[in-house]
Protein backbone atom coordinates (compact mmCIF):
# COMPACT_ATOMS: atom_id res chain seq x y z
CA UNK A 1 0.00 0.00 0.00
CA UNK A 2 1.34 3.42 -1.00
CA UNK A 3 2.54 5.56 1.93
CA UNK A 4 2.04 9.30 1.53
CA UNK A 5 3.25 12.07 3.83
CA UNK A 6 1.68 15.51 3.94
CA UNK A 7 3.00 18.80 5.24
CA UNK A 8 1.24 22.14 5.63
CA UNK A 9 2.88 25.49 6.27
CA UNK A 10 0.46 28.28 7.04
CA UNK A 11 0.17 31.76 8.41
CA UNK A 12 -2.18 34.69 8.65
CA UNK A 13 -2.38 35.33 4.91
CA UNK A 14 -1.54 32.24 2.88
CA UNK A 15 -0.93 28.50 3.27
CA UNK A 16 0.68 25.73 1.25
CA UNK A 17 0.69 21.95 1.32
CA UNK A 18 3.16 19.40 -0.05
CA UNK A 19 2.67 15.66 -0.49
CA UNK A 20 5.66 13.31 -0.55
CA UNK A 21 5.79 9.62 -1.48
CA UNK A 22 7.29 8.04 1.65
CA UNK A 23 8.82 5.17 -0.33
CA UNK A 24 10.57 7.21 -3.04
CA UNK A 25 10.79 10.64 -1.33
CA UNK A 26 9.29 12.09 -4.51
CA UNK A 27 7.24 15.28 -4.22
CA UNK A 28 3.80 14.38 -5.56
CA UNK A 29 2.02 17.73 -5.36
CA UNK A 30 2.24 21.23 -3.96
CA UNK A 31 -0.73 23.56 -3.55
CA UNK A 32 -0.67 27.15 -2.32
CA UNK A 33 -3.70 29.26 -1.52
CA UNK A 34 -4.39 32.76 -0.22
CA UNK A 35 -6.06 31.52 2.94
CA UNK A 36 -5.13 31.81 6.61
CA UNK A 37 -4.52 28.78 8.82
CA UNK A 38 -3.66 30.65 12.02
CA UNK A 39 -5.85 29.25 14.78
CA UNK A 40 -5.90 32.58 16.64
CA UNK A 41 -7.47 34.23 13.63
CA UNK A 42 -9.99 31.59 12.56
CA UNK A 43 -10.33 29.21 15.50
CA UNK A 44 -9.05 25.68 16.01
CA UNK A 45 -11.86 23.78 14.27
CA UNK A 46 -11.75 25.97 11.18
CA UNK A 47 -7.97 25.55 11.07
CA UNK A 48 -8.46 21.76 11.06
CA UNK A 49 -11.08 21.95 8.31
CA UNK A 50 -8.92 24.17 6.10
CA UNK A 51 -5.91 21.90 6.55
CA UNK A 52 -8.02 18.88 5.64
CA UNK A 53 -9.27 20.64 2.50
CA UNK A 54 -5.71 21.55 1.53
CA UNK A 55 -4.67 17.90 1.73
CA UNK A 56 -7.67 16.82 -0.35
CA UNK A 57 -6.85 19.43 -3.00
CA UNK A 58 -3.25 18.20 -3.15
CA UNK A 59 -4.34 14.56 -3.45
CA UNK A 60 -6.59 15.50 -6.36
CA UNK A 61 -3.77 17.43 -8.03
CA UNK A 62 -1.54 14.36 -7.71
CA UNK A 63 -4.23 12.17 -9.27
CA UNK A 64 -4.67 10.21 -6.06
CA UNK A 65 -7.96 9.15 -4.50
CA UNK A 66 -8.92 12.09 -2.21
CA UNK A 67 -10.07 9.60 0.43
CA UNK A 68 -6.52 8.22 0.75
CA UNK A 69 -5.32 8.23 4.36
CA UNK A 70 -1.90 9.76 4.90
CA UNK A 71 0.70 7.87 6.90
CA UNK A 72 1.65 11.17 8.51
CA UNK A 73 0.71 14.85 8.42
CA UNK A 74 2.84 17.75 9.64
CA UNK A 75 1.24 21.08 10.54
CA UNK A 76 3.74 23.92 10.66
CA UNK A 77 1.47 26.87 11.46
CA UNK A 78 1.80 30.39 12.80
CA UNK A 79 0.25 30.70 16.24
CA UNK A 80 1.48 27.23 17.30
CA UNK A 81 4.10 28.33 19.81
CA UNK A 82 2.86 26.80 23.08
CA UNK A 83 3.12 23.04 23.72
CA UNK A 84 -0.39 22.78 25.15
CA UNK A 85 -1.91 24.54 22.13
CA UNK A 86 0.01 22.36 19.70
CA UNK A 87 -1.18 19.20 21.43
CA UNK A 88 -4.77 20.44 21.45
CA UNK A 89 -4.62 21.11 17.72
CA UNK A 90 -3.04 17.71 17.02
CA UNK A 91 -5.72 15.86 18.95
CA UNK A 92 -8.52 17.96 17.47
CA UNK A 93 -7.32 17.27 13.93
CA UNK A 94 -7.34 13.52 14.56
CA UNK A 95 -10.76 13.77 16.21
CA UNK A 96 -12.44 15.83 13.50
CA UNK A 97 -10.83 14.04 10.56
CA UNK A 98 -9.92 10.50 11.69
CA UNK A 99 -9.61 9.23 8.11
CA UNK A 100 -7.21 11.96 7.00
CA UNK A 101 -3.99 10.72 8.60
CA UNK A 102 -2.66 8.01 10.89
CA UNK A 103 -0.26 10.39 12.61
CA UNK A 104 -0.10 14.14 13.13
CA UNK A 105 2.73 16.44 14.20
CA UNK A 106 2.27 20.13 15.05
CA UNK A 107 4.82 22.95 15.40
CA UNK A 108 5.18 26.63 14.62
CA UNK A 109 5.76 27.83 11.07
CA UNK A 110 9.36 28.71 11.95
CA UNK A 111 10.14 25.11 12.96
CA UNK A 112 8.93 23.68 9.67
CA UNK A 113 10.84 26.35 7.79
CA UNK A 114 14.14 25.43 9.44
CA UNK A 115 13.53 21.70 8.91
CA UNK A 116 13.31 22.38 5.18
CA UNK A 117 16.94 23.53 5.14
CA UNK A 118 18.63 21.72 8.02
CA UNK A 119 18.33 18.66 10.18
CA UNK A 120 21.10 19.69 12.56
CA UNK A 121 19.89 23.00 13.88
CA UNK A 122 20.22 26.61 12.82
CA UNK A 123 18.09 29.73 12.70
CA UNK A 124 15.03 31.04 10.92
CA UNK A 125 14.72 34.80 10.48
CA UNK A 126 11.35 35.93 9.16
CA UNK A 127 10.99 39.40 7.68
CA UNK A 128 7.69 39.79 5.93
CA UNK A 129 4.61 41.70 7.02
CA UNK A 130 5.79 40.87 10.55
CA UNK A 131 9.04 39.46 11.91
CA UNK A 132 10.17 36.55 14.04
CA UNK A 133 13.26 34.44 14.75
CA UNK A 134 13.85 30.93 15.99
CA UNK A 135 17.00 29.11 17.04
CA UNK A 136 17.22 25.32 17.15
CA UNK A 137 20.38 23.85 18.63
CA UNK A 138 21.66 20.43 17.47
CA UNK A 139 20.38 18.87 20.71
CA UNK A 140 16.85 20.02 19.85
CA UNK A 141 16.59 22.87 22.35
CA UNK A 142 14.64 25.82 20.99
CA UNK A 143 15.01 29.55 21.69
CA UNK A 144 13.04 32.47 20.25
CA UNK A 145 13.31 36.21 19.81
CA UNK A 146 10.53 38.46 18.54
CA UNK A 147 7.33 37.37 16.88
CA UNK A 148 5.14 39.41 19.20
CA UNK A 149 3.16 41.26 16.54
CA UNK A 150 2.95 44.91 15.55
CA UNK A 151 1.62 46.13 18.91
CA UNK A 152 4.76 45.00 20.76
CA UNK A 153 7.48 44.14 18.27
CA UNK A 154 7.84 43.22 14.60
CA UNK A 155 11.24 44.93 14.42
CA UNK A 156 12.83 44.32 11.03
CA UNK A 157 9.52 43.74 9.29
CA UNK A 158 7.86 45.55 6.40
CA UNK A 159 5.32 46.91 8.85
CA UNK A 160 8.09 48.31 11.03
CA UNK A 161 9.73 50.16 8.13
CA UNK A 162 6.37 51.71 7.30
CA UNK A 163 5.60 52.60 10.93
CA UNK A 164 9.02 54.18 11.35
CA UNK A 165 8.66 56.26 8.16
CA UNK A 166 5.21 57.53 9.16
CA UNK A 167 6.38 58.35 12.68
CA UNK A 168 9.28 60.37 11.25
CA UNK A 169 6.86 62.35 9.12
CA UNK A 170 4.57 63.09 12.07
CA UNK A 171 7.44 63.98 14.42
CA UNK A 172 9.03 66.30 11.85
CA UNK A 173 5.80 68.22 11.33
CA UNK A 174 5.19 68.36 15.10
CA UNK A 175 8.78 69.53 15.68
CA UNK A 176 8.99 66.65 18.14
CA UNK A 177 12.32 65.32 19.34
CA UNK A 178 15.65 65.50 17.55
CA UNK A 179 15.29 66.43 13.86
CA UNK A 180 16.04 63.59 11.45
CA UNK A 181 19.48 64.01 9.82
CA UNK A 182 18.04 63.57 6.31
CA UNK A 183 15.45 65.53 4.39
CA UNK A 184 12.07 63.78 4.61
CA UNK A 185 10.41 65.37 1.56
CA UNK A 186 10.42 62.18 -0.52
CA UNK A 187 9.40 60.02 2.43
CA UNK A 188 6.40 62.26 3.01
CA UNK A 189 5.43 62.21 -0.67
CA UNK A 190 5.64 58.40 -0.79
CA UNK A 191 3.43 58.06 2.31
CA UNK A 192 0.73 60.48 1.16
CA UNK A 193 0.66 59.05 -2.37
CA UNK A 194 0.51 55.46 -1.14
CA UNK A 195 -2.41 56.09 1.21
CA UNK A 196 -4.04 58.53 -1.22
CA UNK A 197 -4.38 61.31 1.36
CA UNK A 198 -3.58 65.04 1.22
CA UNK A 199 -1.92 65.41 4.59
CA UNK A 200 -1.17 63.60 7.84
CA UNK A 201 -4.72 64.17 9.10
CA UNK A 202 -5.89 61.87 6.31
CA UNK A 203 -3.74 59.13 7.84
CA UNK A 204 -5.91 58.97 10.95
CA UNK A 205 -8.72 57.10 9.20
CA UNK A 206 -6.23 54.43 8.07
CA UNK A 207 -5.06 54.01 11.63
CA UNK A 208 -8.30 54.15 13.55
CA UNK A 209 -11.14 53.27 11.17
CA UNK A 210 -9.84 50.90 8.49
CA UNK A 211 -6.53 49.69 9.91
CA UNK A 212 -4.90 46.86 7.97
CA UNK A 213 -1.45 45.64 8.95
CA UNK A 214 -0.96 44.25 5.45
CA UNK A 215 -1.86 47.61 3.90
CA UNK A 216 0.61 49.45 6.09
CA UNK A 217 3.33 46.89 5.40
CA UNK A 218 2.93 47.51 1.67
CA UNK A 219 4.41 50.99 2.11
CA UNK A 220 7.79 49.37 2.78
CA UNK A 221 8.11 48.26 -0.85
CA UNK A 222 7.62 51.86 -2.01
CA UNK A 223 10.33 53.09 0.35
CA UNK A 224 12.71 50.35 -0.78
CA UNK A 225 11.98 51.19 -4.42
CA UNK A 226 12.82 54.86 -3.83
CA UNK A 227 16.01 53.92 -2.00
CA UNK A 228 17.10 51.77 -4.96
CA UNK A 229 16.07 54.13 -7.76
CA UNK A 230 17.07 57.55 -6.47
CA UNK A 231 19.23 56.73 -3.48
CA UNK A 232 17.17 59.09 -1.33
CA UNK A 233 19.18 59.31 1.91
CA UNK A 234 16.15 59.07 4.22
CA UNK A 235 14.81 55.97 2.45
CA UNK A 236 18.28 54.41 2.39
CA UNK A 237 18.64 55.07 6.13
CA UNK A 238 15.28 53.45 6.86
CA UNK A 239 16.29 50.26 5.07
CA UNK A 240 19.75 50.16 6.66
CA UNK A 241 18.13 50.59 10.06
CA UNK A 242 15.84 47.67 9.26
CA UNK A 243 18.84 45.49 8.45
CA UNK A 244 20.29 46.35 11.86
CA UNK A 245 17.01 45.44 13.55
CA UNK A 246 16.94 42.06 11.81
CA UNK A 247 20.51 41.40 12.89
CA UNK A 248 19.54 42.27 16.47
CA UNK A 249 17.39 39.11 16.48
CA UNK A 250 20.50 37.08 15.68
CA UNK A 251 22.58 38.96 18.26
CA UNK A 252 19.97 38.26 20.94
CA UNK A 253 20.18 34.53 20.26
CA UNK A 254 23.99 34.24 20.08
CA UNK A 255 24.35 33.64 23.87
CA UNK A 256 21.81 30.81 23.58
CA UNK A 257 23.60 29.02 20.73
CA UNK A 258 25.32 25.76 21.60
CA UNK A 259 29.10 25.57 21.29
CA UNK A 260 28.66 22.91 18.63
CA UNK A 261 26.50 25.20 16.48
CA UNK A 262 28.87 28.15 16.85
CA UNK A 263 31.82 25.95 15.90
CA UNK A 264 30.15 24.50 12.81
CA UNK A 265 28.68 27.81 11.64
CA UNK A 266 25.10 29.02 11.78
CA UNK A 267 22.79 28.56 8.82
CA UNK A 268 20.09 31.24 8.83
CA UNK A 269 17.02 30.55 6.72
CA UNK A 270 15.72 33.95 5.60
CA UNK A 271 12.00 34.08 4.86
CA UNK A 272 9.76 36.93 3.75
CA UNK A 273 9.53 39.58 1.07
CA UNK A 274 11.68 42.09 2.96
CA UNK A 275 14.73 39.98 2.09
CA UNK A 276 14.28 41.06 -1.54
CA UNK A 277 15.84 44.32 -0.34
CA UNK A 278 18.93 42.64 1.13
CA UNK A 279 21.30 44.95 -0.76
CA UNK A 280 19.70 47.93 1.04
CA UNK A 281 19.85 46.27 4.47
CA UNK A 282 23.21 44.53 4.23
CA UNK A 283 25.31 47.38 5.67
CA UNK A 284 23.14 47.72 8.77
CA UNK A 285 22.94 43.96 9.24
CA UNK A 286 26.71 43.44 9.14
CA UNK A 287 27.38 46.42 11.39
CA UNK A 288 25.07 45.10 14.11
CA UNK A 289 26.80 41.69 14.24
CA UNK A 290 30.39 42.89 14.03
CA UNK A 291 32.54 41.24 16.68
CA UNK A 292 29.97 38.62 17.74
CA UNK A 293 32.37 35.77 16.95
CA UNK A 294 30.04 33.75 14.73
CA UNK A 295 30.25 32.41 11.19
CA UNK A 296 26.96 32.90 9.38
CA UNK A 297 25.57 31.38 6.19
CA UNK A 298 22.38 33.04 5.00
CA UNK A 299 20.10 31.09 2.68
CA UNK A 300 16.74 31.34 0.92
CA UNK A 301 14.53 28.33 0.28
CA UNK A 302 13.98 27.05 -3.27
CA UNK A 303 11.13 24.77 -2.24
CA UNK A 304 7.94 25.42 -0.24
CA UNK A 305 8.30 25.50 3.54
CA UNK A 306 5.70 22.74 3.67
CA UNK A 307 8.47 20.34 2.61
CA UNK A 308 9.92 20.76 6.11
CA UNK A 309 6.49 19.99 7.54
CA UNK A 310 6.59 16.71 5.58
CA UNK A 311 9.95 15.91 7.16
CA UNK A 312 8.38 16.65 10.55
CA UNK A 313 5.48 14.33 9.71
CA UNK A 314 7.88 11.54 8.72
CA UNK A 315 9.78 11.82 12.00
CA UNK A 316 6.57 11.70 14.04
CA UNK A 317 5.27 8.70 12.07
CA UNK A 318 8.58 6.86 12.27
CA UNK A 319 8.97 6.79 8.49
CA UNK A 320 12.42 7.01 6.90
CA UNK A 321 12.66 9.31 3.87
CA UNK A 322 15.48 10.99 1.98
CA UNK A 323 15.96 14.58 3.16
CA UNK A 324 18.04 16.41 0.55
CA UNK A 325 18.57 19.64 2.47
CA UNK A 326 21.26 21.02 0.17
CA UNK A 327 18.86 20.90 -2.77
CA UNK A 328 16.22 22.88 -0.90
CA UNK A 329 18.00 26.22 -0.57
CA UNK A 330 20.39 28.68 -2.17
CA UNK A 331 23.02 30.62 -0.25
CA UNK A 332 23.21 34.38 -0.77
CA UNK A 333 25.64 35.52 1.90
CA UNK A 334 28.41 34.13 4.13
CA UNK A 335 30.12 36.24 6.74
CA UNK A 336 32.51 35.84 9.64
CA UNK A 337 31.75 38.29 12.44
């Protein structure tokens, strides 16, 4: 009987599923949809239903009977940070959909992401709409920094670049605090054009009536574009500062890295659209980590993060599959600090 493993990686905006043949390690199907699978947004039962539907869609895409029971399913989902919550979701999935899978493993989206690129530990550094970081030592111990959302953190994220730019505009016009060293004319124009408002008073409706974190985060791309095209000093400074903030996640986790990981070098899996602006953030990133005594290899995934969730499912189910980590990523920076 054919053994099939499934893995789902999901967040607050989109989700993807991968199916792997447990006997050949062949990827059978991958499906991505613009649909949240964060249990804090949609509830635990709806999360289970959406994950089940994702698996069924992938089975159909692979030309496999949609009633086929998986040997193992891995759920690597945002919001799954606490052991009790993960266990509740695992049990609820098996209860609601007993014919979907024989085994179920649950972890945060950062865990599945790292498992896609490494089986011996490393870091995940997420810089998208929000930000987060996770360290896994070779002995399996896990440490985190960030990931607290836009009300508390999200340093290094697209949202944070946007928030910082808007705050600079407001402070400059209020004559509040120390004046910014660079002219903010272009920053102000970008903000007002993006939100289609005439002045800062028009911004209040976006903050207090129709607030959308995703909408605000989109401003970051406009700032990065201006920094690249015209080299506007204020936009360049905002992106460099963001690089420094991302590196601060790494710096915070250095004391918690095992000696073995430090000796072998740390692979950092970089996830999120903000990394497309690496050339604008690189200076700030390197400056923040100077003298930390670590050797860093920064990589981007070439395959969906749900592949790591499949590896997680295989481990939970006790199924041996080929894990070709080196084929799953591309390296874009190495640096000795």
